[in-house]
PDB file of all heavy atoms in Angstrom:
ATOM      1  N   VAL A   1     -88.615  93.032  47.625  1.00  0.00           N
ATOM      2  CA  VAL A   1     -88.765  91.577  47.454  1.00  0.00           C
ATOM      3  C   VAL A   1     -89.578  91.276  46.197  1.00  0.00           C
ATOM      4  O   VAL A   1     -89.221  90.396  45.398  1.00  0.00           O
ATOM      5  CB  VAL A   1     -89.409  90.947  48.696  1.00  0.00           C
ATOM      6  CG1 VAL A   1     -89.742  89.472  48.457  1.00  0.00           C
ATOM      7  CG2 VAL A   1     -88.493  91.083  49.904  1.00  0.00           C
ATOM      8  N   LEU A   2     -90.676  91.975  46.012  1.00  0.00           N
ATOM      9  CA  LEU A   2     -91.511  91.749  44.833  1.00  0.00           C
ATOM     10  C   LEU A   2     -90.740  92.006  43.538  1.00  0.00           C
ATOM     11  O   LEU A   2     -90.906  91.286  42.546  1.00  0.00           O
ATOM     12  CB  LEU A   2     -92.755  92.640  44.886  1.00  0.00           C
ATOM     13  CG  LEU A   2     -93.835  92.246  45.889  1.00  0.00           C
ATOM     14  CD1 LEU A   2     -94.906  93.331  45.974  1.00  0.00           C
ATOM     15  CD2 LEU A   2     -94.466  90.913  45.509  1.00  0.00           C
ATOM     16  N   ALA A   3     -89.892  93.024  43.544  1.00  0.00           N
ATOM     17  CA  ALA A   3     -89.104  93.337  42.344  1.00  0.00           C
ATOM     18  C   ALA A   3     -88.161  92.184  42.009  1.00  0.00           C
ATOM     19  O   ALA A   3     -88.046  91.786  40.836  1.00  0.00           O
ATOM     20  CB  ALA A   3     -88.331  94.631  42.544  1.00  0.00           C
ATOM     21  N   LEU A   4     -87.481  91.647  43.007  1.00  0.00           N
ATOM     22  CA  LEU A   4     -86.572  90.531  42.755  1.00  0.00           C
ATOM     23  C   LEU A   4     -87.345  89.280  42.350  1.00  0.00           C
ATOM     24  O   LEU A   4     -86.911  88.535  41.459  1.00  0.00           O
ATOM     25  CB  LEU A   4     -85.713  90.257  43.984  1.00  0.00           C
ATOM     26  CG  LEU A   4     -84.729  91.368  44.376  1.00  0.00           C
ATOM     27  CD1 LEU A   4     -83.900  90.942  45.568  1.00  0.00           C
ATOM     28  CD2 LEU A   4     -83.812  91.722  43.214  1.00  0.00           C
ATOM     29  N   GLU A   5     -88.475  89.044  42.983  1.00  0.00           N
ATOM     30  CA  GLU A   5     -89.318  87.916  42.595  1.00  0.00           C
ATOM     31  C   GLU A   5     -89.744  88.038  41.135  1.00  0.00           C
ATOM     32  O   GLU A   5     -89.828  87.039  40.412  1.00  0.00           O
ATOM     33  CB  GLU A   5     -90.575  87.851  43.472  1.00  0.00           C
ATOM     34  CG  GLU A   5     -90.371  87.249  44.844  1.00  0.00           C
ATOM     35  CD  GLU A   5     -91.680  87.104  45.594  1.00  0.00           C
ATOM     36  OE1 GLU A   5     -92.511  88.033  45.544  1.00  0.00           O
ATOM     37  OE2 GLU A   5     -91.877  86.062  46.246  1.00  0.00           O
ATOM     38  N   ALA A   6     -90.028  89.257  40.693  1.00  0.00           N
ATOM     39  CA  ALA A   6     -90.501  89.482  39.331  1.00  0.00           C
ATOM     40  C   ALA A   6     -89.411  89.247  38.295  1.00  0.00           C
ATOM     41  O   ALA A   6     -89.715  88.947  37.140  1.00  0.00           O
ATOM     42  CB  ALA A   6     -91.039  90.900  39.200  1.00  0.00           C
ATOM     43  N   GLY A   7     -88.144  89.411  38.704  1.00  0.00           N
ATOM     44  CA  GLY A   7     -87.043  89.222  37.771  1.00  0.00           C
ATOM     45  C   GLY A   7     -86.038  90.347  37.730  1.00  0.00           C
ATOM     46  O   GLY A   7     -85.075  90.289  36.960  1.00  0.00           O
ATOM     47  N   ALA A   8     -86.232  91.390  38.531  1.00  0.00           N
ATOM     48  CA  ALA A   8     -85.243  92.467  38.605  1.00  0.00           C
ATOM     49  C   ALA A   8     -83.983  91.967  39.294  1.00  0.00           C
ATOM     50  O   ALA A   8     -84.036  91.072  40.147  1.00  0.00           O
ATOM     51  CB  ALA A   8     -85.809  93.669  39.344  1.00  0.00           C
ATOM     52  N   ASP A   9     -82.851  92.543  38.929  1.00  0.00           N
ATOM     53  CA  ASP A   9     -81.577  92.210  39.565  1.00  0.00           C
ATOM     54  C   ASP A   9     -81.162  93.252  40.592  1.00  0.00           C
ATOM     55  O   ASP A   9     -80.580  92.912  41.619  1.00  0.00           O
ATOM     56  CB  ASP A   9     -80.472  92.104  38.506  1.00  0.00           C
ATOM     57  CG  ASP A   9     -80.740  91.014  37.503  1.00  0.00           C
ATOM     58  OD1 ASP A   9     -80.950  89.858  37.914  1.00  0.00           O
ATOM     59  OD2 ASP A   9     -80.750  91.319  36.295  1.00  0.00           O
ATOM     60  N   LEU A  10     -81.421  94.523  40.299  1.00  0.00           N
ATOM     61  CA  LEU A  10     -80.976  95.618  41.147  1.00  0.00           C
ATOM     62  C   LEU A  10     -82.167  96.457  41.583  1.00  0.00           C
ATOM     63  O   LEU A  10     -83.081  96.707  40.791  1.00  0.00           O
ATOM     64  CB  LEU A  10     -79.974  96.509  40.406  1.00  0.00           C
ATOM     65  CG  LEU A  10     -78.710  95.819  39.876  1.00  0.00           C
ATOM     66  CD1 LEU A  10     -77.837  96.815  39.134  1.00  0.00           C
ATOM     67  CD2 LEU A  10     -77.922  95.168  41.013  1.00  0.00           C
ATOM     68  N   VAL A  11     -82.121  96.899  42.829  1.00  0.00           N
ATOM     69  CA  VAL A  11     -83.189  97.695  43.423  1.00  0.00           C
ATOM     70  C   VAL A  11     -82.679  99.126  43.554  1.00  0.00           C
ATOM     71  O   VAL A  11     -81.753  99.399  44.323  1.00  0.00           O
ATOM     72  CB  VAL A  11     -83.590  97.126  44.801  1.00  0.00           C
ATOM     73  CG1 VAL A  11     -84.593  98.040  45.477  1.00  0.00           C
ATOM     74  CG2 VAL A  11     -84.148  95.718  44.648  1.00  0.00           C
ATOM     75  N   LEU A  12     -83.272 100.032  42.787  1.00  0.00           N
ATOM     76  CA  LEU A  12     -82.824 101.425  42.762  1.00  0.00           C
ATOM     77  C   LEU A  12     -83.616 102.269  43.749  1.00  0.00           C
ATOM     78  O   LEU A  12     -84.846 102.286  43.726  1.00  0.00           O
ATOM     79  CB  LEU A  12     -82.984 101.980  41.355  1.00  0.00           C
ATOM     80  CG  LEU A  12     -82.635 103.457  41.136  1.00  0.00           C
ATOM     81  CD1 LEU A  12     -81.150 103.701  41.374  1.00  0.00           C
ATOM     82  CD2 LEU A  12     -83.026 103.903  39.731  1.00  0.00           C
ATOM     83  N   MET A  13     -82.913 102.970  44.600  1.00  0.00           N
ATOM     84  CA  MET A  13     -83.490 103.939  45.537  1.00  0.00           C
ATOM     85  C   MET A  13     -84.691 103.396  46.308  1.00  0.00           C
ATOM     86  O   MET A  13     -85.800 103.926  46.228  1.00  0.00           O
ATOM     87  CB  MET A  13     -83.875 105.228  44.807  1.00  0.00           C
ATOM     88  CG  MET A  13     -82.699 106.089  44.419  1.00  0.00           C
ATOM     89  SD  MET A  13     -83.201 107.578  43.506  1.00  0.00           S
ATOM     90  CE  MET A  13     -84.096 108.476  44.772  1.00  0.00           C
ATOM     91  N   PRO A  14     -84.497 102.318  47.084  1.00  0.00           N
ATOM     92  CA  PRO A  14     -85.598 101.898  47.951  1.00  0.00           C
ATOM     93  C   PRO A  14     -85.888 102.996  48.966  1.00  0.00           C
ATOM     94  O   PRO A  14     -84.992 103.756  49.348  1.00  0.00           O
ATOM     95  CB  PRO A  14     -85.040 100.643  48.635  1.00  0.00           C
ATOM     96  CG  PRO A  14     -83.554 100.808  48.589  1.00  0.00           C
ATOM     97  CD  PRO A  14     -83.265 101.539  47.313  1.00  0.00           C
ATOM     98  N   ALA A  15     -87.138 103.089  49.385  1.00  0.00           N
ATOM     99  CA  ALA A  15     -87.516 104.149  50.329  1.00  0.00           C
ATOM    100  C   ALA A  15     -86.754 104.021  51.646  1.00  0.00           C
ATOM    101  O   ALA A  15     -86.530 105.018  52.337  1.00  0.00           O
ATOM    102  CB  ALA A  15     -89.021 104.110  50.569  1.00  0.00           C
ATOM    103  N   ASP A  16     -86.350 102.806  52.004  1.00  0.00           N
ATOM    104  CA  ASP A  16     -85.585 102.552  53.229  1.00  0.00           C
ATOM    105  C   ASP A  16     -84.626 101.412  52.916  1.00  0.00           C
ATOM    106  O   ASP A  16     -85.042 100.253  52.787  1.00  0.00           O
ATOM    107  CB  ASP A  16     -86.530 102.171  54.369  1.00  0.00           C
ATOM    108  CG  ASP A  16     -85.822 101.969  55.697  1.00  0.00           C
ATOM    109  OD1 ASP A  16     -84.651 101.530  55.694  1.00  0.00           O
ATOM    110  OD2 ASP A  16     -86.442 102.218  56.745  1.00  0.00           O
ATOM    111  N   ALA A  17     -83.337 101.732  52.768  1.00  0.00           N
ATOM    112  CA  ALA A  17     -82.361 100.726  52.351  1.00  0.00           C
ATOM    113  C   ALA A  17     -82.243  99.594  53.361  1.00  0.00           C
ATOM    114  O   ALA A  17     -82.173  98.414  52.996  1.00  0.00           O
ATOM    115  CB  ALA A  17     -81.003 101.383  52.129  1.00  0.00           C
ATOM    116  N   GLU A  18     -82.215  99.935  54.650  1.00  0.00           N
ATOM    117  CA  GLU A  18     -82.103  98.891  55.682  1.00  0.00           C
ATOM    118  C   GLU A  18     -83.306  97.955  55.646  1.00  0.00           C
ATOM    119  O   GLU A  18     -83.177  96.732  55.734  1.00  0.00           O
ATOM    120  CB  GLU A  18     -81.960  99.528  57.061  1.00  0.00           C
ATOM    121  CG  GLU A  18     -80.630 100.218  57.305  1.00  0.00           C
ATOM    122  CD  GLU A  18     -79.480  99.237  57.523  1.00  0.00           C
ATOM    123  OE1 GLU A  18     -79.747  98.025  57.601  1.00  0.00           O
ATOM    124  OE2 GLU A  18     -78.332  99.691  57.610  1.00  0.00           O
ATOM    125  N   ALA A  19     -84.496  98.533  55.509  1.00  0.00           N
ATOM    126  CA  ALA A  19     -85.707  97.708  55.460  1.00  0.00           C
ATOM    127  C   ALA A  19     -85.696  96.811  54.230  1.00  0.00           C
ATOM    128  O   ALA A  19     -86.127  95.648  54.288  1.00  0.00           O
ATOM    129  CB  ALA A  19     -86.943  98.603  55.455  1.00  0.00           C
ATOM    130  N   ALA A  20     -85.199  97.318  53.107  1.00  0.00           N
ATOM    131  CA  ALA A  20     -85.132  96.518  51.890  1.00  0.00           C
ATOM    132  C   ALA A  20     -84.180  95.342  52.062  1.00  0.00           C
ATOM    133  O   ALA A  20     -84.496  94.201  51.688  1.00  0.00           O
ATOM    134  CB  ALA A  20     -84.705  97.389  50.717  1.00  0.00           C
ATOM    135  N   ILE A  21     -83.006  95.611  52.642  1.00  0.00           N
ATOM    136  CA  ILE A  21     -82.038  94.525  52.862  1.00  0.00           C
ATOM    137  C   ILE A  21     -82.622  93.460  53.787  1.00  0.00           C
ATOM    138  O   ILE A  21     -82.555  92.254  53.514  1.00  0.00           O
ATOM    139  CB  ILE A  21     -80.728  95.091  53.442  1.00  0.00           C
ATOM    140  CG1 ILE A  21     -80.028  95.972  52.402  1.00  0.00           C
ATOM    141  CG2 ILE A  21     -79.806  93.955  53.892  1.00  0.00           C
ATOM    142  CD1 ILE A  21     -78.844  96.750  52.943  1.00  0.00           C
ATOM    143  N   GLU A  22     -83.209  93.901  54.894  1.00  0.00           N
ATOM    144  CA  GLU A  22     -83.760  92.949  55.862  1.00  0.00           C
ATOM    145  C   GLU A  22     -84.883  92.118  55.248  1.00  0.00           C
ATOM    146  O   GLU A  22     -84.978  90.905  55.487  1.00  0.00           O
ATOM    147  CB  GLU A  22     -84.256  93.697  57.093  1.00  0.00           C
ATOM    148  CG  GLU A  22     -83.138  94.299  57.938  1.00  0.00           C
ATOM    149  CD  GLU A  22     -83.656  95.150  59.080  1.00  0.00           C
ATOM    150  OE1 GLU A  22     -84.892  95.165  59.286  1.00  0.00           O
ATOM    151  OE2 GLU A  22     -82.838  95.783  59.763  1.00  0.00           O
ATOM    152  N   ALA A  23     -85.723  92.746  54.437  1.00  0.00           N
ATOM    153  CA  ALA A  23     -86.840  92.021  53.825  1.00  0.00           C
ATOM    154  C   ALA A  23     -86.343  90.985  52.818  1.00  0.00           C
ATOM    155  O   ALA A  23     -86.879  89.870  52.748  1.00  0.00           O
ATOM    156  CB  ALA A  23     -87.805  92.996  53.160  1.00  0.00           C
ATOM    157  N   ILE A  24     -85.333  91.348  52.044  1.00  0.00           N
ATOM    158  CA  ILE A  24     -84.801  90.394  51.057  1.00  0.00           C
ATOM    159  C   ILE A  24     -84.109  89.236  51.764  1.00  0.00           C
ATOM    160  O   ILE A  24     -84.281  88.063  51.393  1.00  0.00           O
ATOM    161  CB  ILE A  24     -83.845  91.102  50.083  1.00  0.00           C
ATOM    162  CG1 ILE A  24     -84.590  92.175  49.286  1.00  0.00           C
ATOM    163  CG2 ILE A  24     -83.208  90.089  49.135  1.00  0.00           C
ATOM    164  CD1 ILE A  24     -83.669  93.096  48.490  1.00  0.00           C
ATOM    165  N   VAL A  25     -83.343  89.532  52.799  1.00  0.00           N
ATOM    166  CA  VAL A  25     -82.694  88.469  53.572  1.00  0.00           C
ATOM    167  C   VAL A  25     -83.740  87.518  54.151  1.00  0.00           C
ATOM    168  O   VAL A  25     -83.609  86.286  54.056  1.00  0.00           O
ATOM    169  CB  VAL A  25     -81.820  89.070  54.693  1.00  0.00           C
ATOM    170  CG1 VAL A  25     -81.394  87.986  55.678  1.00  0.00           C
ATOM    171  CG2 VAL A  25     -80.592  89.760  54.106  1.00  0.00           C
ATOM    172  N   ALA A  26     -84.797  88.081  54.731  1.00  0.00           N
ATOM    173  CA  ALA A  26     -85.859  87.246  55.300  1.00  0.00           C
ATOM    174  C   ALA A  26     -86.531  86.392  54.235  1.00  0.00           C
ATOM    175  O   ALA A  26     -86.871  85.220  54.470  1.00  0.00           O
ATOM    176  CB  ALA A  26     -86.890  88.122  56.002  1.00  0.00           C
ATOM    177  N   ALA A  27     -86.709  86.958  53.043  1.00  0.00           N
ATOM    178  CA  ALA A  27     -87.341  86.209  51.954  1.00  0.00           C
ATOM    179  C   ALA A  27     -86.465  85.039  51.513  1.00  0.00           C
ATOM    180  O   ALA A  27     -86.974  83.954  51.193  1.00  0.00           O
ATOM    181  CB  ALA A  27     -87.617  87.133  50.774  1.00  0.00           C
ATOM    182  N   VAL A  28     -85.145  85.234  51.501  1.00  0.00           N
ATOM    183  CA  VAL A  28     -84.238  84.137  51.151  1.00  0.00           C
ATOM    184  C   VAL A  28     -84.242  83.077  52.243  1.00  0.00           C
ATOM    185  O   VAL A  28     -84.315  81.866  51.971  1.00  0.00           O
ATOM    186  CB  VAL A  28     -82.813  84.673  50.903  1.00  0.00           C
ATOM    187  CG1 VAL A  28     -81.828  83.521  50.687  1.00  0.00           C
ATOM    188  CG2 VAL A  28     -82.794  85.610  49.700  1.00  0.00           C
ATOM    189  N   GLN A  29     -84.190  83.510  53.477  1.00  0.00           N
ATOM    190  CA  GLN A  29     -84.158  82.558  54.592  1.00  0.00           C
ATOM    191  C   GLN A  29     -85.438  81.745  54.697  1.00  0.00           C
ATOM    192  O   GLN A  29     -85.409  80.575  55.095  1.00  0.00           O
ATOM    193  CB  GLN A  29     -83.884  83.307  55.903  1.00  0.00           C
ATOM    194  CG  GLN A  29     -82.476  83.865  56.004  1.00  0.00           C
ATOM    195  CD  GLN A  29     -82.243  84.680  57.266  1.00  0.00           C
ATOM    196  OE1 GLN A  29     -83.162  85.319  57.790  1.00  0.00           O
ATOM    197  NE2 GLN A  29     -81.022  84.662  57.763  1.00  0.00           N
ATOM    198  N   SER A  30     -86.551  82.334  54.320  1.00  0.00           N
ATOM    199  CA  SER A  30     -87.830  81.624  54.401  1.00  0.00           C
ATOM    200  C   SER A  30     -88.094  80.759  53.176  1.00  0.00           C
ATOM    201  O   SER A  30     -89.038  79.958  53.163  1.00  0.00           O
ATOM    202  CB  SER A  30     -88.980  82.626  54.544  1.00  0.00           C
ATOM    203  OG  SER A  30     -89.172  83.357  53.341  1.00  0.00           O
ATOM    204  N   GLY A  31     -87.297  80.908  52.150  1.00  0.00           N
ATOM    205  CA  GLY A  31     -87.519  80.175  50.917  1.00  0.00           C
ATOM    206  C   GLY A  31     -88.397  80.896  49.915  1.00  0.00           C
ATOM    207  O   GLY A  31     -88.612  80.399  48.804  1.00  0.00           O
ATOM    208  N   ARG A  32     -88.918  82.064  50.272  1.00  0.00           N
ATOM    209  CA  ARG A  32     -89.730  82.822  49.328  1.00  0.00           C
ATOM    210  C   ARG A  32     -88.901  83.207  48.099  1.00  0.00           C
ATOM    211  O   ARG A  32     -89.386  83.150  46.963  1.00  0.00           O
ATOM    212  CB  ARG A  32     -90.289  84.071  50.017  1.00  0.00           C
ATOM    213  CG  ARG A  32     -91.147  84.942  49.118  1.00  0.00           C
ATOM    214  CD  ARG A  32     -91.668  86.167  49.877  1.00  0.00           C
ATOM    215  NE  ARG A  32     -92.345  87.084  48.973  1.00  0.00           N
ATOM    216  CZ  ARG A  32     -92.822  88.280  49.341  1.00  0.00           C
ATOM    217  NH1 ARG A  32     -92.719  88.682  50.607  1.00  0.00           N
ATOM    218  NH2 ARG A  32     -93.420  89.061  48.447  1.00  0.00           N
ATOM    219  N   LEU A  33     -87.671  83.629  48.329  1.00  0.00           N
ATOM    220  CA  LEU A  33     -86.702  83.850  47.253  1.00  0.00           C
ATOM    221  C   LEU A  33     -85.649  82.755  47.354  1.00  0.00           C
ATOM    222  O   LEU A  33     -85.082  82.536  48.433  1.00  0.00           O
ATOM    223  CB  LEU A  33     -86.020  85.197  47.390  1.00  0.00           C
ATOM    224  CG  LEU A  33     -86.659  86.446  46.790  1.00  0.00           C
ATOM    225  CD1 LEU A  33     -85.839  87.676  47.156  1.00  0.00           C
ATOM    226  CD2 LEU A  33     -86.777  86.332  45.278  1.00  0.00           C
TER     227      LEU A  33
END
């Protein structure tokens, strides 16, 4: 989430892909992203 907030477009090799997807989705749904 922090990477996308900073301006990155693509997230390379997250430590946990499922956790990364869920966190980004939650950030969009909450308005953070």
